[in-house]
Amino acid sequence: MIERFIITVLDGFGVGELPDACDYKDEGSNTLFGIYNNTKLNLPNLKKLGLYNIDGVDIQDKEEKTIGCFRKSCRAIER
């Protein structure tokens, strides 16, 4: 078994709104969904890793057996 891992952070890529989106008139934001629906986006390796399976990603092209772990991280900034 290979004992290594790679962490990929897509900062600012946006897979859904933050809890405080209404404060910034940013409700319904989802950069990945917008790009996916308005271009010919083809990310087969990220799909296999689970990009389209992240909670909040409304893309129907989910991967049944992902080869990676995936998670959405969000934290509203406290004022």
PDB file of N, CA and C in Angstrom:
ATOM      1  N   MET A   1       0.840  -1.181   0.000  1.00  0.00           N
ATOM      2  CA  MET A   1       0.000   0.000   0.000  1.00  0.00           C
ATOM      3  C   MET A   1       0.886   1.246   0.000  1.00  0.00           C
ATOM      4  N   ILE A   2       0.517   2.212  -0.816  1.00  0.00           N
ATOM      5  CA  ILE A   2       1.252   3.475  -0.874  1.00  0.00           C
ATOM      6  C   ILE A   2       0.809   4.331   0.311  1.00  0.00           C
ATOM      7  N   GLU A   3       1.767   4.809   1.074  1.00  0.00           N
ATOM      8  CA  GLU A   3       1.445   5.607   2.260  1.00  0.00           C
ATOM      9  C   GLU A   3       1.804   7.069   2.023  1.00  0.00           C
ATOM     10  N   ARG A   4       0.999   7.724   1.241  1.00  0.00           N
ATOM     11  CA  ARG A   4       1.189   9.148   0.981  1.00  0.00           C
ATOM     12  C   ARG A   4      -0.158   9.775   0.672  1.00  0.00           C
ATOM     13  N   PHE A   5      -0.204  11.070   0.767  1.00  0.00           N
ATOM     14  CA  PHE A   5      -1.424  11.764   0.407  1.00  0.00           C
ATOM     15  C   PHE A   5      -1.077  13.133  -0.135  1.00  0.00           C
ATOM     16  N   ILE A   6      -1.989  13.665  -0.910  1.00  0.00           N
ATOM     17  CA  ILE A   6      -1.846  14.996  -1.494  1.00  0.00           C
ATOM     18  C   ILE A   6      -3.096  15.770  -1.119  1.00  0.00           C
ATOM     19  N   ILE A   7      -2.913  16.964  -0.636  1.00  0.00           N
ATOM     20  CA  ILE A   7      -4.050  17.828  -0.302  1.00  0.00           C
ATOM     21  C   ILE A   7      -4.153  18.900  -1.380  1.00  0.00           C
ATOM     22  N   THR A   8      -5.333  19.032  -1.960  1.00  0.00           N
ATOM     23  CA  THR A   8      -5.591  20.060  -2.955  1.00  0.00           C
ATOM     24  C   THR A   8      -6.630  21.007  -2.376  1.00  0.00           C
ATOM     25  N   VAL A   9      -6.299  22.283  -2.333  1.00  0.00           N
ATOM     26  CA  VAL A   9      -7.228  23.294  -1.836  1.00  0.00           C
ATOM     27  C   VAL A   9      -7.591  24.201  -3.001  1.00  0.00           C
ATOM     28  N   LEU A  10      -8.870  24.254  -3.336  1.00  0.00           N
ATOM     29  CA  LEU A  10      -9.345  25.139  -4.394  1.00  0.00           C
ATOM     30  C   LEU A  10      -9.922  26.386  -3.732  1.00  0.00           C
ATOM     31  N   ASP A  11      -9.061  27.230  -3.233  1.00  0.00           N
ATOM     32  CA  ASP A  11      -9.478  28.427  -2.505  1.00  0.00           C
ATOM     33  C   ASP A  11     -10.161  29.405  -3.452  1.00  0.00           C
ATOM     34  N   GLY A  12     -11.318  29.865  -3.071  1.00  0.00           N
ATOM     35  CA  GLY A  12     -12.059  30.821  -3.881  1.00  0.00           C
ATOM     36  C   GLY A  12     -12.806  30.185  -5.037  1.00  0.00           C
ATOM     37  N   PHE A  13     -12.819  28.861  -5.101  1.00  0.00           N
ATOM     38  CA  PHE A  13     -13.495  28.168  -6.195  1.00  0.00           C
ATOM     39  C   PHE A  13     -15.004  28.134  -5.976  1.00  0.00           C
ATOM     40  N   GLY A  14     -15.441  28.154  -4.750  1.00  0.00           N
ATOM     41  CA  GLY A  14     -16.853  28.302  -4.432  1.00  0.00           C
ATOM     42  C   GLY A  14     -17.741  27.140  -4.813  1.00  0.00           C
ATOM     43  N   VAL A  15     -18.171  26.370  -3.841  1.00  0.00           N
ATOM     44  CA  VAL A  15     -19.125  25.287  -4.080  1.00  0.00           C
ATOM     45  C   VAL A  15     -20.388  25.513  -3.255  1.00  0.00           C
ATOM     46  N   GLY A  16     -20.710  26.749  -3.025  1.00  0.00           N
ATOM     47  CA  GLY A  16     -21.921  27.080  -2.281  1.00  0.00           C
ATOM     48  C   GLY A  16     -21.721  28.309  -1.422  1.00  0.00           C
ATOM     49  N   GLU A  17     -22.803  28.838  -0.965  1.00  0.00           N
ATOM     50  CA  GLU A  17     -22.747  30.080  -0.191  1.00  0.00           C
ATOM     51  C   GLU A  17     -22.317  29.840   1.255  1.00  0.00           C
ATOM     52  N   LEU A  18     -21.769  30.876   1.848  1.00  0.00           N
ATOM     53  CA  LEU A  18     -21.417  30.843   3.269  1.00  0.00           C
ATOM     54  C   LEU A  18     -22.647  31.154   4.110  1.00  0.00           C
ATOM     55  N   PRO A  19     -22.609  30.823   5.392  1.00  0.00           N
ATOM     56  CA  PRO A  19     -23.766  31.097   6.247  1.00  0.00           C
ATOM     57  C   PRO A  19     -24.159  32.581   6.300  1.00  0.00           C
ATOM     58  N   ASP A  20     -23.195  33.491   6.087  1.00  0.00           N
ATOM     59  CA  ASP A  20     -23.504  34.920   6.146  1.00  0.00           C
ATOM     60  C   ASP A  20     -23.695  35.540   4.758  1.00  0.00           C
ATOM     61  N   ALA A  21     -24.017  34.716   3.755  1.00  0.00           N
ATOM     62  CA  ALA A  21     -24.157  35.199   2.373  1.00  0.00           C
ATOM     63  C   ALA A  21     -25.192  36.309   2.246  1.00  0.00           C
ATOM     64  N   CYS A  22     -26.246  36.247   3.038  1.00  0.00           N
ATOM     65  CA  CYS A  22     -27.289  37.275   2.943  1.00  0.00           C
ATOM     66  C   CYS A  22     -26.764  38.653   3.348  1.00  0.00           C
ATOM     67  N   ASP A  23     -25.763  38.711   4.202  1.00  0.00           N
ATOM     68  CA  ASP A  23     -25.179  39.996   4.605  1.00  0.00           C
ATOM     69  C   ASP A  23     -24.459  40.686   3.449  1.00  0.00           C
ATOM     70  N   TYR A  24     -24.051  39.911   2.454  1.00  0.00           N
ATOM     71  CA  TYR A  24     -23.277  40.440   1.325  1.00  0.00           C
ATOM     72  C   TYR A  24     -24.014  40.319  -0.007  1.00  0.00           C
ATOM     73  N   LYS A  25     -25.314  40.005   0.062  1.00  0.00           N
ATOM     74  CA  LYS A  25     -26.135  39.804  -1.132  1.00  0.00           C
ATOM     75  C   LYS A  25     -25.499  38.765  -2.070  1.00  0.00           C
ATOM     76  N   ASP A  26     -25.063  37.668  -1.464  1.00  0.00           N
ATOM     77  CA  ASP A  26     -24.354  36.612  -2.188  1.00  0.00           C
ATOM     78  C   ASP A  26     -25.091  35.268  -2.082  1.00  0.00           C
ATOM     79  N   GLU A  27     -26.405  35.316  -1.825  1.00  0.00           N
ATOM     80  CA  GLU A  27     -27.168  34.082  -1.683  1.00  0.00           C
ATOM     81  C   GLU A  27     -27.165  33.307  -3.001  1.00  0.00           C
ATOM     82  N   GLY A  28     -27.045  32.001  -2.873  1.00  0.00           N
ATOM     83  CA  GLY A  28     -27.100  31.132  -4.043  1.00  0.00           C
ATOM     84  C   GLY A  28     -25.804  31.042  -4.824  1.00  0.00           C
ATOM     85  N   SER A  29     -24.741  31.622  -4.298  1.00  0.00           N
ATOM     86  CA  SER A  29     -23.473  31.580  -5.038  1.00  0.00           C
ATOM     87  C   SER A  29     -22.924  30.158  -5.105  1.00  0.00           C
ATOM     88  N   ASN A  30     -22.407  29.799  -6.254  1.00  0.00           N
ATOM     89  CA  ASN A  30     -21.809  28.479  -6.456  1.00  0.00           C
ATOM     90  C   ASN A  30     -20.989  28.546  -7.741  1.00  0.00           C
ATOM     91  N   THR A  31     -19.725  28.907  -7.613  1.00  0.00           N
ATOM     92  CA  THR A  31     -18.853  29.104  -8.768  1.00  0.00           C
ATOM     93  C   THR A  31     -18.734  27.840  -9.609  1.00  0.00           C
ATOM     94  N   LEU A  32     -18.493  26.699  -8.972  1.00  0.00           N
ATOM     95  CA  LEU A  32     -18.340  25.446  -9.717  1.00  0.00           C
ATOM     96  C   LEU A  32     -19.581  25.145 -10.544  1.00  0.00           C
ATOM     97  N   PHE A  33     -20.758  25.269  -9.953  1.00  0.00           N
ATOM     98  CA  PHE A  33     -22.011  24.990 -10.649  1.00  0.00           C
ATOM     99  C   PHE A  33     -22.185  25.931 -11.841  1.00  0.00           C
ATOM    100  N   GLY A  34     -21.872  27.203 -11.657  1.00  0.00           N
ATOM    101  CA  GLY A  34     -21.986  28.183 -12.738  1.00  0.00           C
ATOM    102  C   GLY A  34     -21.056  27.873 -13.896  1.00  0.00           C
ATOM    103  N   ILE A  35     -19.815  27.541 -13.584  1.00  0.00           N
ATOM    104  CA  ILE A  35     -18.852  27.197 -14.639  1.00  0.00           C
ATOM    105  C   ILE A  35     -19.283  25.912 -15.344  1.00  0.00           C
ATOM    106  N   TYR A  36     -19.691  24.925 -14.574  1.00  0.00           N
ATOM    107  CA  TYR A  36     -20.098  23.626 -15.130  1.00  0.00           C
ATOM    108  C   TYR A  36     -21.258  23.788 -16.113  1.00  0.00           C
ATOM    109  N   ASN A  37     -22.218  24.645 -15.773  1.00  0.00           N
ATOM    110  CA  ASN A  37     -23.414  24.808 -16.611  1.00  0.00           C
ATOM    111  C   ASN A  37     -23.224  25.771 -17.775  1.00  0.00           C
ATOM    112  N   ASN A  38     -22.157  26.559 -17.775  1.00  0.00           N
ATOM    113  CA  ASN A  38     -21.984  27.567 -18.825  1.00  0.00           C
ATOM    114  C   ASN A  38     -20.750  27.341 -19.693  1.00  0.00           C
ATOM    115  N   THR A  39     -20.044  26.247 -19.490  1.00  0.00           N
ATOM    116  CA  THR A  39     -18.868  25.930 -20.299  1.00  0.00           C
ATOM    117  C   THR A  39     -18.852  24.431 -20.562  1.00  0.00           C
ATOM    118  N   LYS A  40     -17.818  24.001 -21.232  1.00  0.00           N
ATOM    119  CA  LYS A  40     -17.627  22.556 -21.444  1.00  0.00           C
ATOM    120  C   LYS A  40     -16.561  22.077 -20.465  1.00  0.00           C
ATOM    121  N   LEU A  41     -16.833  22.246 -19.189  1.00  0.00           N
ATOM    122  CA  LEU A  41     -15.895  21.875 -18.126  1.00  0.00           C
ATOM    123  C   LEU A  41     -15.651  20.366 -18.152  1.00  0.00           C
ATOM    124  N   ASN A  42     -14.385  19.975 -18.159  1.00  0.00           N
ATOM    125  CA  ASN A  42     -14.031  18.568 -18.185  1.00  0.00           C
ATOM    126  C   ASN A  42     -12.913  18.349 -17.166  1.00  0.00           C
ATOM    127  N   LEU A  43     -13.266  17.859 -15.996  1.00  0.00           N
ATOM    128  CA  LEU A  43     -12.310  17.632 -14.907  1.00  0.00           C
ATOM    129  C   LEU A  43     -12.381  16.176 -14.460  1.00  0.00           C
ATOM    130  N   PRO A  44     -12.009  15.235 -15.318  1.00  0.00           N
ATOM    131  CA  PRO A  44     -12.203  13.822 -14.980  1.00  0.00           C
ATOM    132  C   PRO A  44     -11.458  13.372 -13.734  1.00  0.00           C
ATOM    133  N   ASN A  45     -10.256  13.858 -13.507  1.00  0.00           N
ATOM    134  CA  ASN A  45      -9.500  13.408 -12.331  1.00  0.00           C
ATOM    135  C   ASN A  45     -10.079  13.991 -11.045  1.00  0.00           C
ATOM    136  N   LEU A  46     -10.487  15.260 -11.065  1.00  0.00           N
ATOM    137  CA  LEU A  46     -11.115  15.846  -9.876  1.00  0.00           C
ATOM    138  C   LEU A  46     -12.476  15.211  -9.617  1.00  0.00           C
ATOM    139  N   LYS A  47     -13.171  14.821 -10.690  1.00  0.00           N
ATOM    140  CA  LYS A  47     -14.442  14.109 -10.533  1.00  0.00           C
ATOM    141  C   LYS A  47     -14.207  12.779  -9.823  1.00  0.00           C
ATOM    142  N   LYS A  48     -13.171  12.035 -10.256  1.00  0.00           N
ATOM    143  CA  LYS A  48     -12.855  10.748  -9.618  1.00  0.00           C
ATOM    144  C   LYS A  48     -12.485  10.927  -8.146  1.00  0.00           C
ATOM    145  N   LEU A  49     -11.861  12.056  -7.831  1.00  0.00           N
ATOM    146  CA  LEU A  49     -11.484  12.323  -6.443  1.00  0.00           C
ATOM    147  C   LEU A  49     -12.687  12.736  -5.596  1.00  0.00           C
ATOM    148  N   GLY A  50     -13.802  13.132  -6.231  1.00  0.00           N
ATOM    149  CA  GLY A  50     -15.017  13.442  -5.496  1.00  0.00           C
ATOM    150  C   GLY A  50     -15.476  14.885  -5.564  1.00  0.00           C
ATOM    151  N   LEU A  51     -14.917  15.695  -6.464  1.00  0.00           N
ATOM    152  CA  LEU A  51     -15.293  17.111  -6.540  1.00  0.00           C
ATOM    153  C   LEU A  51     -16.794  17.308  -6.684  1.00  0.00           C
ATOM    154  N   TYR A  52     -17.442  16.531  -7.532  1.00  0.00           N
ATOM    155  CA  TYR A  52     -18.879  16.712  -7.765  1.00  0.00           C
ATOM    156  C   TYR A  52     -19.730  16.089  -6.655  1.00  0.00           C
ATOM    157  N   ASN A  53     -19.120  15.368  -5.735  1.00  0.00           N
ATOM    158  CA  ASN A  53     -19.849  14.727  -4.633  1.00  0.00           C
ATOM    159  C   ASN A  53     -19.874  15.580  -3.365  1.00  0.00           C
ATOM    160  N   ILE A  54     -19.227  16.722  -3.378  1.00  0.00           N
ATOM    161  CA  ILE A  54     -19.177  17.588  -2.198  1.00  0.00           C
ATOM    162  C   ILE A  54     -20.580  18.097  -1.881  1.00  0.00           C
ATOM    163  N   ASP A  55     -20.938  18.133  -0.597  1.00  0.00           N
ATOM    164  CA  ASP A  55     -22.233  18.667  -0.174  1.00  0.00           C
ATOM    165  C   ASP A  55     -22.400  20.081  -0.716  1.00  0.00           C
ATOM    166  N   GLY A  56     -23.548  20.339  -1.305  1.00  0.00           N
ATOM    167  CA  GLY A  56     -23.829  21.658  -1.842  1.00  0.00           C
ATOM    168  C   GLY A  56     -23.527  21.790  -3.321  1.00  0.00           C
ATOM    169  N   VAL A  57     -22.880  20.806  -3.916  1.00  0.00           N
ATOM    170  CA  VAL A  57     -22.609  20.825  -5.355  1.00  0.00           C
ATOM    171  C   VAL A  57     -23.791  20.145  -6.037  1.00  0.00           C
ATOM    172  N   ASP A  58     -24.531  20.909  -6.828  1.00  0.00           N
ATOM    173  CA  ASP A  58     -25.750  20.409  -7.468  1.00  0.00           C
ATOM    174  C   ASP A  58     -25.511  19.868  -8.864  1.00  0.00           C
ATOM    175  N   ILE A  59     -24.421  19.172  -9.059  1.00  0.00           N
ATOM    176  CA  ILE A  59     -24.107  18.593 -10.361  1.00  0.00           C
ATOM    177  C   ILE A  59     -24.525  17.134 -10.331  1.00  0.00           C
ATOM    178  N   GLN A  60     -25.293  16.720 -11.333  1.00  0.00           N
ATOM    179  CA  GLN A  60     -25.845  15.364 -11.349  1.00  0.00           C
ATOM    180  C   GLN A  60     -24.824  14.304 -11.748  1.00  0.00           C
ATOM    181  N   ASP A  61     -23.674  14.714 -12.237  1.00  0.00           N
ATOM    182  CA  ASP A  61     -22.646  13.796 -12.735  1.00  0.00           C
ATOM    183  C   ASP A  61     -21.745  13.306 -11.598  1.00  0.00           C
ATOM    184  N   LYS A  62     -22.341  12.765 -10.540  1.00  0.00           N
ATOM    185  CA  LYS A  62     -21.594  12.303  -9.358  1.00  0.00           C
ATOM    186  C   LYS A  62     -20.766  11.056  -9.681  1.00  0.00           C
ATOM    187  N   GLU A  63     -19.705  10.863  -8.934  1.00  0.00           N
ATOM    188  CA  GLU A  63     -18.863   9.669  -9.071  1.00  0.00           C
ATOM    189  C   GLU A  63     -19.361   8.623  -8.078  1.00  0.00           C
ATOM    190  N   GLU A  64     -19.663   7.426  -8.561  1.00  0.00           N
ATOM    191  CA  GLU A  64     -20.171   6.376  -7.665  1.00  0.00           C
ATOM    192  C   GLU A  64     -19.104   5.874  -6.704  1.00  0.00           C
ATOM    193  N   LYS A  65     -17.895   5.676  -7.197  1.00  0.00           N
ATOM    194  CA  LYS A  65     -16.808   5.166  -6.354  1.00  0.00           C
ATOM    195  C   LYS A  65     -15.629   6.126  -6.455  1.00  0.00           C
ATOM    196  N   THR A  66     -15.569   7.066  -5.542  1.00  0.00           N
ATOM    197  CA  THR A  66     -14.473   8.037  -5.569  1.00  0.00           C
ATOM    198  C   THR A  66     -13.169   7.379  -5.133  1.00  0.00           C
ATOM    199  N   ILE A  67     -12.069   7.955  -5.584  1.00  0.00           N
ATOM    200  CA  ILE A  67     -10.750   7.439  -5.208  1.00  0.00           C
ATOM    201  C   ILE A  67     -10.062   8.382  -4.225  1.00  0.00           C
ATOM    202  N   GLY A  68     -10.794   9.364  -3.738  1.00  0.00           N
ATOM    203  CA  GLY A  68     -10.223  10.320  -2.800  1.00  0.00           C
ATOM    204  C   GLY A  68     -11.224  10.691  -1.723  1.00  0.00           C
ATOM    205  N   CYS A  69     -10.773  11.495  -0.813  1.00  0.00           N
ATOM    206  CA  CYS A  69     -11.635  12.055   0.226  1.00  0.00           C
ATOM    207  C   CYS A  69     -11.926  13.493  -0.174  1.00  0.00           C
ATOM    208  N   PHE A  70     -13.078  13.994   0.175  1.00  0.00           N
ATOM    209  CA  PHE A  70     -13.451  15.346  -0.230  1.00  0.00           C
ATOM    210  C   PHE A  70     -14.268  16.000   0.871  1.00  0.00           C
ATOM    211  N   ARG A  71     -14.197  17.314   0.912  1.00  0.00           N
ATOM    212  CA  ARG A  71     -14.921  18.055   1.935  1.00  0.00           C
ATOM    213  C   ARG A  71     -15.013  19.509   1.535  1.00  0.00           C
ATOM    214  N   LYS A  72     -16.084  20.120   1.937  1.00  0.00           N
ATOM    215  CA  LYS A  72     -16.265  21.554   1.767  1.00  0.00           C
ATOM    216  C   LYS A  72     -15.966  22.199   3.114  1.00  0.00           C
ATOM    217  N   SER A  73     -15.163  23.195   3.088  1.00  0.00           N
ATOM    218  CA  SER A  73     -14.812  23.901   4.320  1.00  0.00           C
ATOM    219  C   SER A  73     -15.322  25.327   4.217  1.00  0.00           C
ATOM    220  N   CYS A  74     -16.091  25.742   5.187  1.00  0.00           N
ATOM    221  CA  CYS A  74     -16.547  27.128   5.185  1.00  0.00           C
ATOM    222  C   CYS A  74     -16.656  27.617   6.633  1.00  0.00           C
ATOM    223  N   ARG A  75     -16.345  28.852   6.771  1.00  0.00           N
ATOM    224  CA  ARG A  75     -16.435  29.464   8.087  1.00  0.00           C
ATOM    225  C   ARG A  75     -16.736  30.929   7.901  1.00  0.00           C
ATOM    226  N   ALA A  76     -17.840  31.351   8.434  1.00  0.00           N
ATOM    227  CA  ALA A  76     -18.179  32.775   8.355  1.00  0.00           C
ATOM    228  C   ALA A  76     -17.229  33.571   9.235  1.00  0.00           C
ATOM    229  N   ILE A  77     -16.827  34.698   8.744  1.00  0.00           N
ATOM    230  CA  ILE A  77     -15.921  35.566   9.510  1.00  0.00           C
ATOM    231  C   ILE A  77     -16.723  36.296  10.577  1.00  0.00           C
ATOM    232  N   GLU A  78     -16.274  36.200  11.810  1.00  0.00           N
ATOM    233  CA  GLU A  78     -16.962  36.891  12.893  1.00  0.00           C
ATOM    234  C   GLU A  78     -16.579  38.344  12.884  1.00  0.00           C
ATOM    235  N   ARG A  79     -17.565  39.170  13.143  1.00  0.00           N
ATOM    236  CA  ARG A  79     -17.287  40.623  13.169  1.00  0.00           C
ATOM    237  C   ARG A  79     -17.335  41.119  14.570  1.00  0.00           C
TER     238      ARG A  79
END
